[in-house]
Amino acid sequence: MAIKYVSKAKKEEYADRMFSLIEKLMTDDSRYVRKNVGPFALVDGLLRCYPEHVFQKIEEWRQSDNGNVKWKM
């Protein structure tokens, strides 16, 4: 939820730090993380405010063999 709210500032200097946090959660297999990282942090937060960064990361993430990563995209 924090990423969702911080991203609304639309400050480019925050983008790298937020994506660093998201990357750590992408492989997490807990049910809560699986259900919330995609819809809240990625879509409602980062995609809305940093679309170019999200699309770049999606290209990287779609190469992953980890099912959790693909579920969250």
N, C-alpha and C. Protein backbone atom coordinates (compact mmCIF):
# COMPACT_ATOMS: atom_id res chain seq x y z
N MET A 1 0.82 -1.19 0.00
CA MET A 1 0.00 0.00 0.00
C MET A 1 0.86 1.25 0.00
N ALA A 2 2.01 1.17 0.65
CA ALA A 2 2.88 2.35 0.71
C ALA A 2 3.33 2.75 -0.69
N ILE A 3 3.66 1.78 -1.52
CA ILE A 3 4.10 2.10 -2.88
C ILE A 3 2.98 2.80 -3.65
N LYS A 4 1.77 2.33 -3.47
CA LYS A 4 0.62 2.94 -4.13
C LYS A 4 0.53 4.42 -3.80
N TYR A 5 0.70 4.77 -2.54
CA TYR A 5 0.56 6.17 -2.13
C TYR A 5 1.78 7.02 -2.45
N VAL A 6 2.97 6.45 -2.31
CA VAL A 6 4.19 7.21 -2.63
C VAL A 6 4.26 7.50 -4.13
N SER A 7 3.81 6.57 -4.95
CA SER A 7 3.89 6.77 -6.39
C SER A 7 3.06 7.96 -6.86
N LYS A 8 2.04 8.31 -6.11
CA LYS A 8 1.20 9.46 -6.50
C LYS A 8 1.97 10.77 -6.51
N ALA A 9 3.12 10.82 -5.87
CA ALA A 9 3.95 12.02 -5.91
C ALA A 9 4.56 12.22 -7.30
N LYS A 10 4.61 11.16 -8.08
CA LYS A 10 5.15 11.18 -9.45
C LYS A 10 6.54 11.79 -9.53
N LYS A 11 7.37 11.45 -8.57
CA LYS A 11 8.75 11.93 -8.57
C LYS A 11 9.64 10.84 -9.15
N GLU A 12 10.29 11.16 -10.23
CA GLU A 12 11.14 10.19 -10.92
C GLU A 12 12.23 9.62 -10.01
N GLU A 13 12.71 10.42 -9.07
CA GLU A 13 13.77 9.94 -8.19
C GLU A 13 13.30 8.83 -7.26
N TYR A 14 11.99 8.67 -7.10
CA TYR A 14 11.44 7.59 -6.28
C TYR A 14 11.27 6.28 -7.04
N ALA A 15 11.19 6.35 -8.35
CA ALA A 15 10.85 5.18 -9.17
C ALA A 15 11.80 4.01 -8.94
N ASP A 16 13.09 4.22 -8.99
CA ASP A 16 14.04 3.13 -8.84
C ASP A 16 13.90 2.45 -7.48
N ARG A 17 13.70 3.21 -6.44
CA ARG A 17 13.55 2.63 -5.10
C ARG A 17 12.27 1.82 -4.98
N MET A 18 11.20 2.32 -5.58
CA MET A 18 9.94 1.59 -5.50
C MET A 18 10.01 0.28 -6.30
N PHE A 19 10.65 0.33 -7.46
CA PHE A 19 10.80 -0.90 -8.24
C PHE A 19 11.73 -1.89 -7.55
N SER A 20 12.68 -1.39 -6.82
CA SER A 20 13.55 -2.28 -6.05
C SER A 20 12.74 -3.03 -5.00
N LEU A 21 11.82 -2.34 -4.35
CA LEU A 21 10.96 -2.99 -3.36
C LEU A 21 10.02 -4.00 -4.02
N ILE A 22 9.44 -3.62 -5.13
CA ILE A 22 8.52 -4.52 -5.85
C ILE A 22 9.24 -5.78 -6.30
N GLU A 23 10.45 -5.63 -6.80
CA GLU A 23 11.19 -6.80 -7.30
C GLU A 23 11.39 -7.84 -6.20
N LYS A 24 11.57 -7.40 -4.97
CA LYS A 24 11.74 -8.33 -3.86
C LYS A 24 10.44 -9.09 -3.57
N LEU A 25 9.32 -8.48 -3.85
CA LEU A 25 8.02 -9.11 -3.59
C LEU A 25 7.52 -9.98 -4.74
N MET A 26 8.07 -9.80 -5.92
CA MET A 26 7.56 -10.52 -7.09
C MET A 26 7.66 -12.03 -6.95
N THR A 27 8.66 -12.53 -6.27
CA THR A 27 8.81 -13.98 -6.14
C THR A 27 8.20 -14.53 -4.86
N ASP A 28 7.68 -13.66 -4.01
CA ASP A 28 7.08 -14.09 -2.75
C ASP A 28 5.83 -14.92 -3.03
N ASP A 29 5.71 -16.07 -2.40
CA ASP A 29 4.57 -16.93 -2.68
C ASP A 29 3.47 -16.88 -1.62
N SER A 30 3.55 -15.92 -0.70
CA SER A 30 2.47 -15.83 0.28
C SER A 30 1.20 -15.33 -0.41
N ARG A 31 0.09 -15.83 0.05
CA ARG A 31 -1.20 -15.52 -0.59
C ARG A 31 -1.48 -14.01 -0.58
N TYR A 32 -1.22 -13.36 0.53
CA TYR A 32 -1.47 -11.92 0.65
C TYR A 32 -0.67 -11.13 -0.39
N VAL A 33 0.60 -11.47 -0.53
CA VAL A 33 1.46 -10.75 -1.48
C VAL A 33 1.00 -11.03 -2.91
N ARG A 34 0.68 -12.29 -3.21
CA ARG A 34 0.23 -12.63 -4.56
C ARG A 34 -1.02 -11.84 -4.94
N LYS A 35 -1.93 -11.67 -4.00
CA LYS A 35 -3.19 -11.00 -4.30
C LYS A 35 -3.09 -9.48 -4.36
N ASN A 36 -2.07 -8.91 -3.73
CA ASN A 36 -2.05 -7.45 -3.60
C ASN A 36 -0.95 -6.72 -4.36
N VAL A 37 0.14 -7.38 -4.63
CA VAL A 37 1.23 -6.66 -5.33
C VAL A 37 0.78 -6.23 -6.72
N GLY A 38 0.19 -7.11 -7.48
CA GLY A 38 -0.23 -6.77 -8.84
C GLY A 38 -1.28 -5.68 -8.89
N PRO A 39 -2.46 -5.90 -8.26
CA PRO A 39 -3.53 -4.91 -8.40
C PRO A 39 -3.25 -3.57 -7.72
N PHE A 40 -2.64 -3.60 -6.57
CA PHE A 40 -2.46 -2.35 -5.83
C PHE A 40 -1.14 -1.65 -6.15
N ALA A 41 -0.04 -2.32 -5.91
CA ALA A 41 1.27 -1.66 -6.09
C ALA A 41 1.59 -1.44 -7.56
N LEU A 42 1.44 -2.48 -8.37
CA LEU A 42 1.80 -2.34 -9.79
C LEU A 42 0.80 -1.51 -10.58
N VAL A 43 -0.46 -1.90 -10.54
CA VAL A 43 -1.45 -1.26 -11.41
C VAL A 43 -1.90 0.08 -10.87
N ASP A 44 -2.42 0.09 -9.67
CA ASP A 44 -3.00 1.33 -9.13
C ASP A 44 -1.93 2.33 -8.73
N GLY A 45 -0.74 1.87 -8.44
CA GLY A 45 0.33 2.77 -8.05
C GLY A 45 1.28 3.08 -9.18
N LEU A 46 2.12 2.12 -9.49
CA LEU A 46 3.21 2.37 -10.43
C LEU A 46 2.77 2.54 -11.88
N LEU A 47 1.86 1.70 -12.36
CA LEU A 47 1.44 1.82 -13.76
C LEU A 47 0.77 3.16 -14.02
N ARG A 48 -0.01 3.60 -13.09
CA ARG A 48 -0.71 4.87 -13.26
C ARG A 48 0.26 6.05 -13.29
N CYS A 49 1.34 5.98 -12.51
CA CYS A 49 2.23 7.13 -12.37
C CYS A 49 3.56 6.99 -13.11
N TYR A 50 4.00 5.76 -13.36
CA TYR A 50 5.28 5.52 -14.04
C TYR A 50 5.11 4.46 -15.13
N PRO A 51 4.23 4.69 -16.09
CA PRO A 51 3.93 3.63 -17.07
C PRO A 51 5.14 3.15 -17.86
N GLU A 52 6.02 4.06 -18.23
CA GLU A 52 7.18 3.64 -19.03
C GLU A 52 8.09 2.70 -18.26
N HIS A 53 8.23 2.92 -16.97
CA HIS A 53 9.04 2.03 -16.14
C HIS A 53 8.39 0.66 -16.00
N VAL A 54 7.07 0.64 -15.82
CA VAL A 54 6.36 -0.63 -15.65
C VAL A 54 6.47 -1.47 -16.91
N PHE A 55 6.26 -0.89 -18.07
CA PHE A 55 6.34 -1.66 -19.30
C PHE A 55 7.74 -2.20 -19.55
N GLN A 56 8.74 -1.44 -19.16
CA GLN A 56 10.12 -1.91 -19.27
C GLN A 56 10.34 -3.12 -18.35
N LYS A 57 9.84 -3.04 -17.13
CA LYS A 57 9.99 -4.14 -16.17
C LYS A 57 9.20 -5.36 -16.60
N ILE A 58 8.02 -5.15 -17.18
CA ILE A 58 7.22 -6.29 -17.64
C ILE A 58 8.00 -7.10 -18.67
N GLU A 59 8.73 -6.43 -19.52
CA GLU A 59 9.56 -7.15 -20.50
C GLU A 59 10.59 -8.03 -19.80
N GLU A 60 11.16 -7.54 -18.71
CA GLU A 60 12.12 -8.34 -17.94
C GLU A 60 11.41 -9.48 -17.21
N TRP A 61 10.29 -9.17 -16.56
CA TRP A 61 9.59 -10.15 -15.74
C TRP A 61 8.98 -11.27 -16.56
N ARG A 62 8.56 -10.99 -17.78
CA ARG A 62 7.92 -12.05 -18.56
C ARG A 62 8.90 -13.14 -18.96
N GLN A 63 10.19 -12.88 -18.83
CA GLN A 63 11.22 -13.88 -19.10
C GLN A 63 11.42 -14.82 -17.92
N SER A 64 10.81 -14.50 -16.79
CA SER A 64 11.01 -15.27 -15.56
C SER A 64 10.32 -16.64 -15.65
N ASP A 65 10.95 -17.62 -15.06
CA ASP A 65 10.36 -18.95 -14.97
C ASP A 65 9.52 -19.09 -13.70
N ASN A 66 9.54 -18.10 -12.84
CA ASN A 66 8.82 -18.15 -11.58
C ASN A 66 7.33 -17.85 -11.80
N GLY A 67 6.49 -18.79 -11.39
CA GLY A 67 5.05 -18.61 -11.55
C GLY A 67 4.49 -17.45 -10.79
N ASN A 68 5.07 -17.14 -9.63
CA ASN A 68 4.59 -15.99 -8.85
C ASN A 68 4.80 -14.68 -9.58
N VAL A 69 5.90 -14.56 -10.28
CA VAL A 69 6.19 -13.34 -11.04
C VAL A 69 5.15 -13.18 -12.14
N LYS A 70 4.87 -14.25 -12.86
CA LYS A 70 3.90 -14.17 -13.96
C LYS A 70 2.48 -13.91 -13.43
N TRP A 71 2.14 -14.45 -12.27
CA TRP A 71 0.82 -14.24 -11.67
C TRP A 71 0.61 -12.76 -11.38
N LYS A 72 1.63 -12.08 -10.92
CA LYS A 72 1.51 -10.68 -10.48
C LYS A 72 1.48 -9.70 -11.64
N MET A 73 1.91 -10.12 -12.80
CA MET A 73 1.91 -9.20 -13.94
C MET A 73 0.52 -9.12 -14.44
